[in-house]
């Protein structure tokens, strides 16, 4: 990354429910996210907020994982360049999310979801 430095990746919320019942078959998955630039003078922080859902709350297994991946803009412009943030930071943020999904599913004793090799 030329214009940004990775600062931290954190899980801000996780929910897991095993409602019993028959396991197996297919579950739905959903990814969503956005980019936030906190307001403030000379702010150089960019936060990629991401959410991953496996299943739905009423299904036999449900997991929701929300993460924030934080970067600092090191470019020479006075404001954060969001186009460059998407180009440079998004792939790193997604990789961090995939690593977290793998770790969380393993910790919950679920079949491990490893998207890092996809």
PDB file of N, CA and C in Angstrom:
ATOM      1  N   UNK A   1       0.856  -1.175   0.000  1.00  0.00           N
ATOM      2  CA  UNK A   1       0.000   0.000   0.000  1.00  0.00           C
ATOM      3  C   UNK A   1       0.899   1.234   0.000  1.00  0.00           C
ATOM      4  N   UNK A   2       0.660   2.102  -0.939  1.00  0.00           N
ATOM      5  CA  UNK A   2       1.489   3.292  -1.070  1.00  0.00           C
ATOM      6  C   UNK A   2       0.988   4.473  -0.247  1.00  0.00           C
ATOM      7  N   UNK A   3      -0.317   4.617  -0.116  1.00  0.00           N
ATOM      8  CA  UNK A   3      -0.880   5.804   0.525  1.00  0.00           C
ATOM      9  C   UNK A   3      -1.526   5.541   1.872  1.00  0.00           C
ATOM     10  N   UNK A   4      -1.484   4.299   2.354  1.00  0.00           N
ATOM     11  CA  UNK A   4      -2.155   3.945   3.598  1.00  0.00           C
ATOM     12  C   UNK A   4      -1.307   2.963   4.397  1.00  0.00           C
ATOM     13  N   UNK A   5      -1.468   3.008   5.710  1.00  0.00           N
ATOM     14  CA  UNK A   5      -0.848   2.027   6.591  1.00  0.00           C
ATOM     15  C   UNK A   5      -1.940   1.336   7.388  1.00  0.00           C
ATOM     16  N   UNK A   6      -1.850   0.014   7.454  1.00  0.00           N
ATOM     17  CA  UNK A   6      -2.780  -0.761   8.257  1.00  0.00           C
ATOM     18  C   UNK A   6      -2.521  -0.446   9.728  1.00  0.00           C
ATOM     19  N   UNK A   7      -3.583  -0.188  10.488  1.00  0.00           N
ATOM     20  CA  UNK A   7      -3.454   0.101  11.920  1.00  0.00           C
ATOM     21  C   UNK A   7      -3.971  -1.039  12.787  1.00  0.00           C
ATOM     22  N   UNK A   8      -5.228  -1.479  12.558  1.00  0.00           N
ATOM     23  CA  UNK A   8      -5.755  -2.576  13.370  1.00  0.00           C
ATOM     24  C   UNK A   8      -7.012  -3.155  12.740  1.00  0.00           C
ATOM     25  N   UNK A   9      -7.297  -4.370  13.155  1.00  0.00           N
ATOM     26  CA  UNK A   9      -8.509  -5.068  12.742  1.00  0.00           C
ATOM     27  C   UNK A   9      -9.159  -5.576  14.013  1.00  0.00           C
ATOM     28  N   UNK A  10     -10.460  -5.337  14.161  1.00  0.00           N
ATOM     29  CA  UNK A  10     -11.122  -5.755  15.396  1.00  0.00           C
ATOM     30  C   UNK A  10     -12.526  -6.261  15.132  1.00  0.00           C
ATOM     31  N   UNK A  11     -12.928  -7.205  15.945  1.00  0.00           N
ATOM     32  CA  UNK A  11     -14.307  -7.683  15.933  1.00  0.00           C
ATOM     33  C   UNK A  11     -15.083  -6.767  16.866  1.00  0.00           C
ATOM     34  N   UNK A  12     -16.144  -6.160  16.351  1.00  0.00           N
ATOM     35  CA  UNK A  12     -16.940  -5.262  17.183  1.00  0.00           C
ATOM     36  C   UNK A  12     -18.219  -5.933  17.667  1.00  0.00           C
ATOM     37  N   UNK A  13     -18.624  -7.010  16.975  1.00  0.00           N
ATOM     38  CA  UNK A  13     -19.804  -7.749  17.428  1.00  0.00           C
ATOM     39  C   UNK A  13     -19.785  -9.132  16.800  1.00  0.00           C
ATOM     40  N   UNK A  14     -20.169 -10.122  17.593  1.00  0.00           N
ATOM     41  CA  UNK A  14     -20.336 -11.457  17.051  1.00  0.00           C
ATOM     42  C   UNK A  14     -21.511 -12.118  17.751  1.00  0.00           C
ATOM     43  N   UNK A  15     -22.318 -12.798  16.979  1.00  0.00           N
ATOM     44  CA  UNK A  15     -23.464 -13.537  17.514  1.00  0.00           C
ATOM     45  C   UNK A  15     -23.451 -14.924  16.906  1.00  0.00           C
ATOM     46  N   UNK A  16     -23.707 -15.904  17.740  1.00  0.00           N
ATOM     47  CA  UNK A  16     -23.778 -17.275  17.262  1.00  0.00           C
ATOM     48  C   UNK A  16     -24.919 -17.961  17.981  1.00  0.00           C
ATOM     49  N   UNK A  17     -25.775 -18.615  17.210  1.00  0.00           N
ATOM     50  CA  UNK A  17     -26.887 -19.351  17.808  1.00  0.00           C
ATOM     51  C   UNK A  17     -26.950 -20.715  17.157  1.00  0.00           C
ATOM     52  N   UNK A  18     -26.991 -21.728  17.988  1.00  0.00           N
ATOM     53  CA  UNK A  18     -27.241 -23.085  17.513  1.00  0.00           C
ATOM     54  C   UNK A  18     -28.613 -23.443  18.058  1.00  0.00           C
ATOM     55  N   UNK A  19     -29.616 -23.360  17.207  1.00  0.00           N
ATOM     56  CA  UNK A  19     -31.002 -23.583  17.624  1.00  0.00           C
ATOM     57  C   UNK A  19     -31.365 -25.060  17.675  1.00  0.00           C
ATOM     58  N   UNK A  20     -30.371 -25.917  17.586  1.00  0.00           N
ATOM     59  CA  UNK A  20     -30.643 -27.343  17.572  1.00  0.00           C
ATOM     60  C   UNK A  20     -31.244 -27.725  16.234  1.00  0.00           C
ATOM     61  N   UNK A  21     -31.844 -28.829  16.199  1.00  0.00           N
ATOM     62  CA  UNK A  21     -32.463 -29.247  14.940  1.00  0.00           C
ATOM     63  C   UNK A  21     -31.445 -29.830  13.999  1.00  0.00           C
ATOM     64  N   UNK A  22     -31.930 -30.218  12.873  1.00  0.00           N
ATOM     65  CA  UNK A  22     -31.109 -30.878  11.872  1.00  0.00           C
ATOM     66  C   UNK A  22     -30.120 -29.901  11.255  1.00  0.00           C
ATOM     67  N   UNK A  23     -28.886 -30.334  11.188  1.00  0.00           N
ATOM     68  CA  UNK A  23     -27.863 -29.530  10.540  1.00  0.00           C
ATOM     69  C   UNK A  23     -27.566 -30.158   9.193  1.00  0.00           C
ATOM     70  N   UNK A  24     -27.055 -29.383   8.306  1.00  0.00           N
ATOM     71  CA  UNK A  24     -26.745 -29.894   6.981  1.00  0.00           C
ATOM     72  C   UNK A  24     -27.488 -29.097   5.953  1.00  0.00           C
ATOM     73  N   UNK A  25     -27.254 -29.424   4.727  1.00  0.00           N
ATOM     74  CA  UNK A  25     -27.885 -28.655   3.673  1.00  0.00           C
ATOM     75  C   UNK A  25     -27.151 -27.341   3.475  1.00  0.00           C
ATOM     76  N   UNK A  26     -27.802 -26.446   2.770  1.00  0.00           N
ATOM     77  CA  UNK A  26     -27.176 -25.175   2.458  1.00  0.00           C
ATOM     78  C   UNK A  26     -27.698 -24.077   3.367  1.00  0.00           C
ATOM     79  N   UNK A  27     -26.820 -23.153   3.682  1.00  0.00           N
ATOM     80  CA  UNK A  27     -27.191 -21.963   4.443  1.00  0.00           C
ATOM     81  C   UNK A  27     -26.906 -20.746   3.591  1.00  0.00           C
ATOM     82  N   UNK A  28     -27.660 -19.715   3.813  1.00  0.00           N
ATOM     83  CA  UNK A  28     -27.420 -18.477   3.081  1.00  0.00           C
ATOM     84  C   UNK A  28     -26.260 -17.725   3.724  1.00  0.00           C
ATOM     85  N   UNK A  29     -25.554 -16.961   2.922  1.00  0.00           N
ATOM     86  CA  UNK A  29     -24.506 -16.087   3.435  1.00  0.00           C
ATOM     87  C   UNK A  29     -24.743 -14.698   2.870  1.00  0.00           C
ATOM     88  N   UNK A  30     -24.293 -13.696   3.617  1.00  0.00           N
ATOM     89  CA  UNK A  30     -24.462 -12.320   3.187  1.00  0.00           C
ATOM     90  C   UNK A  30     -23.269 -11.513   3.664  1.00  0.00           C
ATOM     91  N   UNK A  31     -22.676 -10.745   2.757  1.00  0.00           N
ATOM     92  CA  UNK A  31     -21.606  -9.811   3.083  1.00  0.00           C
ATOM     93  C   UNK A  31     -22.123  -8.407   2.836  1.00  0.00           C
ATOM     94  N   UNK A  32     -21.790  -7.496   3.711  1.00  0.00           N
ATOM     95  CA  UNK A  32     -22.097  -6.090   3.457  1.00  0.00           C
ATOM     96  C   UNK A  32     -21.042  -5.244   4.154  1.00  0.00           C
ATOM     97  N   UNK A  33     -20.982  -3.986   3.791  1.00  0.00           N
ATOM     98  CA  UNK A  33     -20.010  -3.116   4.431  1.00  0.00           C
ATOM     99  C   UNK A  33     -20.043  -1.718   3.870  1.00  0.00           C
ATOM    100  N   UNK A  34     -19.270  -0.868   4.521  1.00  0.00           N
ATOM    101  CA  UNK A  34     -19.124   0.502   4.060  1.00  0.00           C
ATOM    102  C   UNK A  34     -17.788   1.050   4.544  1.00  0.00           C
ATOM    103  N   UNK A  35     -17.514   2.268   4.119  1.00  0.00           N
ATOM    104  CA  UNK A  35     -16.277   2.939   4.496  1.00  0.00           C
ATOM    105  C   UNK A  35     -16.644   4.187   5.276  1.00  0.00           C
ATOM    106  N   UNK A  36     -15.954   4.395   6.397  1.00  0.00           N
ATOM    107  CA  UNK A  36     -16.200   5.581   7.214  1.00  0.00           C
ATOM    108  C   UNK A  36     -14.909   6.381   7.365  1.00  0.00           C
ATOM    109  N   UNK A  37     -15.052   7.675   7.267  1.00  0.00           N
ATOM    110  CA  UNK A  37     -13.944   8.584   7.551  1.00  0.00           C
ATOM    111  C   UNK A  37     -14.423   9.483   8.681  1.00  0.00           C
ATOM    112  N   UNK A  38     -13.952   9.231   9.908  1.00  0.00           N
ATOM    113  CA  UNK A  38     -14.412  10.052  11.035  1.00  0.00           C
ATOM    114  C   UNK A  38     -14.141  11.532  10.782  1.00  0.00           C
ATOM    115  N   UNK A  39     -15.104  12.363  11.192  1.00  0.00           N
ATOM    116  CA  UNK A  39     -14.956  13.800  10.999  1.00  0.00           C
ATOM    117  C   UNK A  39     -13.935  14.343  11.984  1.00  0.00           C
ATOM    118  N   UNK A  40     -13.248  15.351  11.545  1.00  0.00           N
ATOM    119  CA  UNK A  40     -12.264  15.996  12.411  1.00  0.00           C
ATOM    120  C   UNK A  40     -11.207  16.661  11.567  1.00  0.00           C
ATOM    121  N   UNK A  41     -10.656  17.692  12.117  1.00  0.00           N
ATOM    122  CA  UNK A  41      -9.621  18.420  11.409  1.00  0.00           C
ATOM    123  C   UNK A  41      -8.380  17.555  11.276  1.00  0.00           C
ATOM    124  N   UNK A  42      -7.828  17.511  10.095  1.00  0.00           N
ATOM    125  CA  UNK A  42      -6.627  16.734   9.805  1.00  0.00           C
ATOM    126  C   UNK A  42      -6.792  15.248  10.091  1.00  0.00           C
ATOM    127  N   UNK A  43      -8.008  14.759  10.013  1.00  0.00           N
ATOM    128  CA  UNK A  43      -8.225  13.331  10.238  1.00  0.00           C
ATOM    129  C   UNK A  43      -7.699  12.548   9.047  1.00  0.00           C
ATOM    130  N   UNK A  44      -6.958  11.509   9.324  1.00  0.00           N
ATOM    131  CA  UNK A  44      -6.369  10.690   8.262  1.00  0.00           C
ATOM    132  C   UNK A  44      -6.755   9.220   8.416  1.00  0.00           C
ATOM    133  N   UNK A  45      -7.814   8.950   9.180  1.00  0.00           N
ATOM    134  CA  UNK A  45      -8.229   7.580   9.469  1.00  0.00           C
ATOM    135  C   UNK A  45      -9.347   7.154   8.522  1.00  0.00           C
ATOM    136  N   UNK A  46      -9.262   5.912   8.042  1.00  0.00           N
ATOM    137  CA  UNK A  46     -10.292   5.306   7.209  1.00  0.00           C
ATOM    138  C   UNK A  46     -10.668   3.982   7.866  1.00  0.00           C
ATOM    139  N   UNK A  47     -11.974   3.749   8.040  1.00  0.00           N
ATOM    140  CA  UNK A  47     -12.446   2.524   8.691  1.00  0.00           C
ATOM    141  C   UNK A  47     -13.339   1.766   7.709  1.00  0.00           C
ATOM    142  N   UNK A  48     -12.954   0.524   7.431  1.00  0.00           N
ATOM    143  CA  UNK A  48     -13.791  -0.361   6.628  1.00  0.00           C
ATOM    144  C   UNK A  48     -14.638  -1.170   7.599  1.00  0.00           C
ATOM    145  N   UNK A  49     -15.950  -0.937   7.585  1.00  0.00           N
ATOM    146  CA  UNK A  49     -16.881  -1.657   8.457  1.00  0.00           C
ATOM    147  C   UNK A  49     -17.526  -2.757   7.627  1.00  0.00           C
ATOM    148  N   UNK A  50     -17.380  -3.992   8.107  1.00  0.00           N
ATOM    149  CA  UNK A  50     -17.884  -5.133   7.342  1.00  0.00           C
ATOM    150  C   UNK A  50     -18.750  -6.024   8.222  1.00  0.00           C
ATOM    151  N   UNK A  51     -19.705  -6.675   7.568  1.00  0.00           N
ATOM    152  CA  UNK A  51     -20.604  -7.588   8.273  1.00  0.00           C
ATOM    153  C   UNK A  51     -20.748  -8.867   7.450  1.00  0.00           C
ATOM    154  N   UNK A  52     -20.649  -9.994   8.124  1.00  0.00           N
ATOM    155  CA  UNK A  52     -20.814 -11.305   7.502  1.00  0.00           C
ATOM    156  C   UNK A  52     -21.903 -12.037   8.257  1.00  0.00           C
ATOM    157  N   UNK A  53     -22.868 -12.578   7.510  1.00  0.00           N
ATOM    158  CA  UNK A  53     -23.935 -13.367   8.130  1.00  0.00           C
ATOM    159  C   UNK A  53     -23.971 -14.743   7.487  1.00  0.00           C
ATOM    160  N   UNK A  54     -24.091 -15.749   8.329  1.00  0.00           N
ATOM    161  CA  UNK A  54     -24.276 -17.118   7.887  1.00  0.00           C
ATOM    162  C   UNK A  54     -25.622 -17.571   8.403  1.00  0.00           C
ATOM    163  N   UNK A  55     -26.522 -17.949   7.505  1.00  0.00           N
ATOM    164  CA  UNK A  55     -27.863 -18.346   7.910  1.00  0.00           C
ATOM    165  C   UNK A  55     -28.710 -17.142   8.279  1.00  0.00           C
ATOM    166  N   UNK A  56     -29.865 -17.452   8.858  1.00  0.00           N
ATOM    167  CA  UNK A  56     -30.794 -16.420   9.314  1.00  0.00           C
ATOM    168  C   UNK A  56     -31.150 -16.728  10.763  1.00  0.00           C
ATOM    169  N   UNK A  57     -31.576 -15.746  11.534  1.00  0.00           N
ATOM    170  CA  UNK A  57     -31.837 -15.979  12.957  1.00  0.00           C
ATOM    171  C   UNK A  57     -32.745 -17.168  13.267  1.00  0.00           C
ATOM    172  N   UNK A  58     -33.694 -17.512  12.426  1.00  0.00           N
ATOM    173  CA  UNK A  58     -34.586 -18.627  12.702  1.00  0.00           C
ATOM    174  C   UNK A  58     -34.067 -19.986  12.260  1.00  0.00           C
ATOM    175  N   UNK A  59     -32.953 -20.011  11.525  1.00  0.00           N
ATOM    176  CA  UNK A  59     -32.413 -21.279  11.040  1.00  0.00           C
ATOM    177  C   UNK A  59     -31.670 -22.014  12.145  1.00  0.00           C
ATOM    178  N   UNK A  60     -31.316 -23.269  11.868  1.00  0.00           N
ATOM    179  CA  UNK A  60     -30.697 -24.090  12.912  1.00  0.00           C
ATOM    180  C   UNK A  60     -29.355 -23.526  13.375  1.00  0.00           C
ATOM    181  N   UNK A  61     -28.583 -22.949  12.482  1.00  0.00           N
ATOM    182  CA  UNK A  61     -27.318 -22.317  12.867  1.00  0.00           C
ATOM    183  C   UNK A  61     -27.281 -20.921  12.273  1.00  0.00           C
ATOM    184  N   UNK A  62     -26.924 -19.955  13.107  1.00  0.00           N
ATOM    185  CA  UNK A  62     -26.867 -18.571  12.670  1.00  0.00           C
ATOM    186  C   UNK A  62     -25.618 -17.939  13.259  1.00  0.00           C
ATOM    187  N   UNK A  63     -24.884 -17.202  12.424  1.00  0.00           N
ATOM    188  CA  UNK A  63     -23.721 -16.463  12.905  1.00  0.00           C
ATOM    189  C   UNK A  63     -23.705 -15.100  12.236  1.00  0.00           C
ATOM    190  N   UNK A  64     -23.439 -14.078  13.017  1.00  0.00           N
ATOM    191  CA  UNK A  64     -23.282 -12.714  12.510  1.00  0.00           C
ATOM    192  C   UNK A  64     -21.975 -12.173  13.071  1.00  0.00           C
ATOM    193  N   UNK A  65     -21.150 -11.640  12.202  1.00  0.00           N
ATOM    194  CA  UNK A  65     -19.831 -11.141  12.594  1.00  0.00           C
ATOM    195  C   UNK A  65     -19.643  -9.749  12.010  1.00  0.00           C
ATOM    196  N   UNK A  66     -19.352  -8.779  12.867  1.00  0.00           N
ATOM    197  CA  UNK A  66     -19.101  -7.409  12.413  1.00  0.00           C
ATOM    198  C   UNK A  66     -17.667  -7.039  12.779  1.00  0.00           C
ATOM    199  N   UNK A  67     -16.946  -6.480  11.800  1.00  0.00           N
ATOM    200  CA  UNK A  67     -15.557  -6.098  12.035  1.00  0.00           C
ATOM    201  C   UNK A  67     -15.296  -4.674  11.561  1.00  0.00           C
ATOM    202  N   UNK A  68     -14.266  -4.085  12.127  1.00  0.00           N
ATOM    203  CA  UNK A  68     -13.750  -2.797  11.667  1.00  0.00           C
ATOM    204  C   UNK A  68     -12.270  -2.994  11.359  1.00  0.00           C
ATOM    205  N   UNK A  69     -11.851  -2.541  10.183  1.00  0.00           N
ATOM    206  CA  UNK A  69     -10.447  -2.581   9.810  1.00  0.00           C
ATOM    207  C   UNK A  69     -10.014  -1.137   9.586  1.00  0.00           C
ATOM    208  N   UNK A  70      -8.983  -0.720  10.324  1.00  0.00           N
ATOM    209  CA  UNK A  70      -8.596   0.688  10.380  1.00  0.00           C
ATOM    210  C   UNK A  70      -7.266   0.905   9.652  1.00  0.00           C
ATOM    211  N   UNK A  71      -7.253   1.956   8.835  1.00  0.00           N
ATOM    212  CA  UNK A  71      -6.060   2.350   8.100  1.00  0.00           C
ATOM    213  C   UNK A  71      -5.802   3.835   8.334  1.00  0.00           C
ATOM    214  N   UNK A  72      -4.544   4.238   8.194  1.00  0.00           N
ATOM    215  CA  UNK A  72      -4.199   5.655   8.281  1.00  0.00           C
ATOM    216  C   UNK A  72      -3.687   6.116   6.920  1.00  0.00           C
ATOM    217  N   UNK A  73      -4.226   7.224   6.464  1.00  0.00           N
ATOM    218  CA  UNK A  73      -3.814   7.798   5.190  1.00  0.00           C
ATOM    219  C   UNK A  73      -2.454   8.468   5.362  1.00  0.00           C
ATOM    220  N   UNK A  74      -1.506   8.097   4.514  1.00  0.00           N
ATOM    221  CA  UNK A  74      -0.155   8.657   4.596  1.00  0.00           C
ATOM    222  C   UNK A  74       0.199   9.453   3.338  1.00  0.00           C
ATOM    223  N   UNK A  75      -0.792   9.624   2.445  1.00  0.00           N
ATOM    224  CA  UNK A  75      -0.560  10.363   1.201  1.00  0.00           C
ATOM    225  C   UNK A  75      -0.331  11.839   1.459  1.00  0.00           C
ATOM    226  N   UNK A  76      -0.026  12.563   0.406  1.00  0.00           N
ATOM    227  CA  UNK A  76       0.327  13.972   0.561  1.00  0.00           C
ATOM    228  C   UNK A  76      -0.842  14.936   0.385  1.00  0.00           C
ATOM    229  N   UNK A  77      -2.051  14.447   0.123  1.00  0.00           N
ATOM    230  CA  UNK A  77      -3.219  15.327   0.033  1.00  0.00           C
ATOM    231  C   UNK A  77      -3.699  15.668   1.438  1.00  0.00           C
ATOM    232  N   UNK A  78      -4.444  16.757   1.559  1.00  0.00           N
ATOM    233  CA  UNK A  78      -4.934  17.157   2.884  1.00  0.00           C
ATOM    234  C   UNK A  78      -6.140  16.330   3.313  1.00  0.00           C
ATOM    235  N   UNK A  79      -6.866  15.747   2.352  1.00  0.00           N
ATOM    236  CA  UNK A  79      -8.019  14.913   2.682  1.00  0.00           C
ATOM    237  C   UNK A  79      -7.774  13.491   2.214  1.00  0.00           C
ATOM    238  N   UNK A  80      -8.427  12.555   2.869  1.00  0.00           N
ATOM    239  CA  UNK A  80      -8.322  11.159   2.497  1.00  0.00           C
ATOM    240  C   UNK A  80      -8.911  10.953   1.108  1.00  0.00           C
ATOM    241  N   UNK A  81      -8.209  10.245   0.271  1.00  0.00           N
ATOM    242  CA  UNK A  81      -8.668   9.924  -1.082  1.00  0.00           C
ATOM    243  C   UNK A  81      -9.410   8.589  -1.014  1.00  0.00           C
ATOM    244  N   UNK A  82     -10.752   8.637  -1.064  1.00  0.00           N
ATOM    245  CA  UNK A  82     -11.554   7.419  -0.914  1.00  0.00           C
ATOM    246  C   UNK A  82     -11.393   6.442  -2.078  1.00  0.00           C
ATOM    247  N   UNK A  83     -11.112   6.947  -3.265  1.00  0.00           N
ATOM    248  CA  UNK A  83     -10.883   6.055  -4.403  1.00  0.00           C
ATOM    249  C   UNK A  83      -9.623   5.234  -4.150  1.00  0.00           C
ATOM    250  N   UNK A  84      -8.571   5.889  -3.703  1.00  0.00           N
ATOM    251  CA  UNK A  84      -7.334   5.170  -3.382  1.00  0.00           C
ATOM    252  C   UNK A  84      -7.539   4.242  -2.190  1.00  0.00           C
ATOM    253  N   UNK A  85      -8.368   4.655  -1.237  1.00  0.00           N
ATOM    254  CA  UNK A  85      -8.649   3.792  -0.084  1.00  0.00           C
ATOM    255  C   UNK A  85      -9.302   2.503  -0.547  1.00  0.00           C
ATOM    256  N   UNK A  86     -10.265   2.604  -1.460  1.00  0.00           N
ATOM    257  CA  UNK A  86     -10.921   1.406  -1.989  1.00  0.00           C
ATOM    258  C   UNK A  86      -9.909   0.510  -2.696  1.00  0.00           C
ATOM    259  N   UNK A  87      -9.069   1.112  -3.523  1.00  0.00           N
ATOM    260  CA  UNK A  87      -8.100   0.339  -4.305  1.00  0.00           C
ATOM    261  C   UNK A  87      -7.057  -0.339  -3.420  1.00  0.00           C
ATOM    262  N   UNK A  88      -6.534   0.382  -2.450  1.00  0.00           N
ATOM    263  CA  UNK A  88      -5.417  -0.117  -1.668  1.00  0.00           C
ATOM    264  C   UNK A  88      -5.836  -0.883  -0.411  1.00  0.00           C
ATOM    265  N   UNK A  89      -6.871  -0.415   0.258  1.00  0.00           N
ATOM    266  CA  UNK A  89      -7.224  -0.964   1.569  1.00  0.00           C
ATOM    267  C   UNK A  89      -8.269  -2.071   1.518  1.00  0.00           C
ATOM    268  N   UNK A  90      -9.211  -1.982   0.595  1.00  0.00           N
ATOM    269  CA  UNK A  90     -10.302  -2.956   0.558  1.00  0.00           C
ATOM    270  C   UNK A  90      -9.808  -4.400   0.484  1.00  0.00           C
ATOM    271  N   UNK A  91      -8.842  -4.734  -0.388  1.00  0.00           N
ATOM    272  CA  UNK A  91      -8.371  -6.123  -0.413  1.00  0.00           C
ATOM    273  C   UNK A  91      -7.788  -6.584   0.929  1.00  0.00           C
ATOM    274  N   UNK A  92      -7.121  -5.696   1.633  1.00  0.00           N
ATOM    275  CA  UNK A  92      -6.564  -6.043   2.944  1.00  0.00           C
ATOM    276  C   UNK A  92      -7.692  -6.244   3.952  1.00  0.00           C
ATOM    277  N   UNK A  93      -8.688  -5.361   3.929  1.00  0.00           N
ATOM    278  CA  UNK A  93      -9.822  -5.474   4.847  1.00  0.00           C
ATOM    279  C   UNK A  93     -10.586  -6.776   4.631  1.00  0.00           C
ATOM    280  N   UNK A  94     -10.790  -7.157   3.381  1.00  0.00           N
ATOM    281  CA  UNK A  94     -11.486  -8.409   3.080  1.00  0.00           C
ATOM    282  C   UNK A  94     -10.665  -9.602   3.554  1.00  0.00           C
ATOM    283  N   UNK A  95      -9.360  -9.578   3.311  1.00  0.00           N
ATOM    284  CA  UNK A  95      -8.500 -10.673   3.777  1.00  0.00           C
ATOM    285  C   UNK A  95      -8.562 -10.815   5.303  1.00  0.00           C
ATOM    286  N   UNK A  96      -8.548  -9.698   6.012  1.00  0.00           N
ATOM    287  CA  UNK A  96      -8.649  -9.729   7.479  1.00  0.00           C
ATOM    288  C   UNK A  96      -9.996 -10.298   7.915  1.00  0.00           C
ATOM    289  N   UNK A  97     -11.077  -9.923   7.220  1.00  0.00           N
ATOM    290  CA  UNK A  97     -12.389 -10.465   7.532  1.00  0.00           C
ATOM    291  C   UNK A  97     -12.408 -11.974   7.316  1.00  0.00           C
ATOM    292  N   UNK A  98     -11.865 -12.441   6.199  1.00  0.00           N
ATOM    293  CA  UNK A  98     -11.829 -13.876   5.911  1.00  0.00           C
ATOM    294  C   UNK A  98     -11.050 -14.640   6.977  1.00  0.00           C
ATOM    295  N   UNK A  99      -9.921 -14.083   7.411  1.00  0.00           N
ATOM    296  CA  UNK A  99      -9.139 -14.723   8.474  1.00  0.00           C
ATOM    297  C   UNK A  99      -9.945 -14.795   9.769  1.00  0.00           C
ATOM    298  N   UNK A 100     -10.697 -13.745  10.050  1.00  0.00           N
ATOM    299  CA  UNK A 100     -11.511 -13.705  11.264  1.00  0.00           C
ATOM    300  C   UNK A 100     -12.653 -14.716  11.183  1.00  0.00           C
ATOM    301  N   UNK A 101     -13.294 -14.831  10.032  1.00  0.00           N
ATOM    302  CA  UNK A 101     -14.367 -15.825   9.859  1.00  0.00           C
ATOM    303  C   UNK A 101     -13.819 -17.219  10.134  1.00  0.00           C
ATOM    304  N   UNK A 102     -12.665 -17.515   9.605  1.00  0.00           N
ATOM    305  CA  UNK A 102     -12.043 -18.830   9.818  1.00  0.00           C
ATOM    306  C   UNK A 102     -11.788 -19.064  11.313  1.00  0.00           C
ATOM    307  N   UNK A 103     -11.210 -18.085  11.976  1.00  0.00           N
ATOM    308  CA  UNK A 103     -10.889 -18.220  13.406  1.00  0.00           C
ATOM    309  C   UNK A 103     -12.135 -18.347  14.273  1.00  0.00           C
ATOM    310  N   UNK A 104     -13.164 -17.562  13.963  1.00  0.00           N
ATOM    311  CA  UNK A 104     -14.388 -17.584  14.767  1.00  0.00           C
ATOM    312  C   UNK A 104     -15.143 -18.903  14.583  1.00  0.00           C
ATOM    313  N   UNK A 105     -15.252 -19.378  13.339  1.00  0.00           N
ATOM    314  CA  UNK A 105     -15.962 -20.650  13.134  1.00  0.00           C
ATOM    315  C   UNK A 105     -15.220 -21.793  13.816  1.00  0.00           C
ATOM    316  N   UNK A 106     -13.913 -21.739  13.807  1.00  0.00           N
ATOM    317  CA  UNK A 106     -13.136 -22.766  14.499  1.00  0.00           C
ATOM    318  C   UNK A 106     -13.354 -22.675  16.012  1.00  0.00           C
ATOM    319  N   UNK A 107     -13.351 -21.466  16.556  1.00  0.00           N
ATOM    320  CA  UNK A 107     -13.537 -21.273  17.993  1.00  0.00           C
ATOM    321  C   UNK A 107     -14.924 -21.709  18.455  1.00  0.00           C
ATOM    322  N   UNK A 108     -15.945 -21.525  17.615  1.00  0.00           N
ATOM    323  CA  UNK A 108     -17.306 -21.926  17.965  1.00  0.00           C
ATOM    324  C   UNK A 108     -17.554 -23.420  17.760  1.00  0.00           C
ATOM    325  N   UNK A 109     -16.558 -24.140  17.239  1.00  0.00           N
ATOM    326  CA  UNK A 109     -16.719 -25.570  17.024  1.00  0.00           C
ATOM    327  C   UNK A 109     -17.562 -25.893  15.805  1.00  0.00           C
ATOM    328  N   UNK A 110     -17.717 -24.948  14.902  1.00  0.00           N
ATOM    329  CA  UNK A 110     -18.458 -25.144  13.668  1.00  0.00           C
ATOM    330  C   UNK A 110     -17.516 -25.747  12.626  1.00  0.00           C
ATOM    331  N   UNK A 111     -18.071 -26.270  11.555  1.00  0.00           N
ATOM    332  CA  UNK A 111     -17.180 -26.597  10.437  1.00  0.00           C
ATOM    333  C   UNK A 111     -16.473 -25.314  10.018  1.00  0.00           C
ATOM    334  N   UNK A 112     -15.183 -25.378   9.844  1.00  0.00           N
ATOM    335  CA  UNK A 112     -14.386 -24.179   9.575  1.00  0.00           C
ATOM    336  C   UNK A 112     -14.709 -23.634   8.183  1.00  0.00           C
ATOM    337  N   UNK A 113     -15.009 -22.352   8.147  1.00  0.00           N
ATOM    338  CA  UNK A 113     -15.243 -21.666   6.887  1.00  0.00           C
ATOM    339  C   UNK A 113     -13.949 -20.943   6.526  1.00  0.00           C
ATOM    340  N   UNK A 114     -13.268 -21.444   5.526  1.00  0.00           N
ATOM    341  CA  UNK A 114     -11.992 -20.877   5.118  1.00  0.00           C
ATOM    342  C   UNK A 114     -12.132 -20.242   3.745  1.00  0.00           C
ATOM    343  N   UNK A 115     -12.322 -18.941   3.723  1.00  0.00           N
ATOM    344  CA  UNK A 115     -12.457 -18.201   2.472  1.00  0.00           C
ATOM    345  C   UNK A 115     -11.118 -17.630   2.003  1.00  0.00           C
ATOM    346  N   UNK A 116     -10.074 -17.833   2.809  1.00  0.00           N
ATOM    347  CA  UNK A 116      -8.766 -17.279   2.469  1.00  0.00           C
ATOM    348  C   UNK A 116      -8.160 -17.959   1.268  1.00  0.00           C
ATOM    349  N   UNK A 117      -8.623 -19.156   0.923  1.00  0.00           N
ATOM    350  CA  UNK A 117      -8.078 -19.877  -0.224  1.00  0.00           C
ATOM    351  C   UNK A 117      -8.946 -19.702  -1.464  1.00  0.00           C
ATOM    352  N   UNK A 118     -10.057 -18.995  -1.317  1.00  0.00           N
ATOM    353  CA  UNK A 118     -10.984 -18.823  -2.458  1.00  0.00           C
ATOM    354  C   UNK A 118     -10.463 -17.795  -3.433  1.00  0.00           C
TER     355      UNK A 118
END
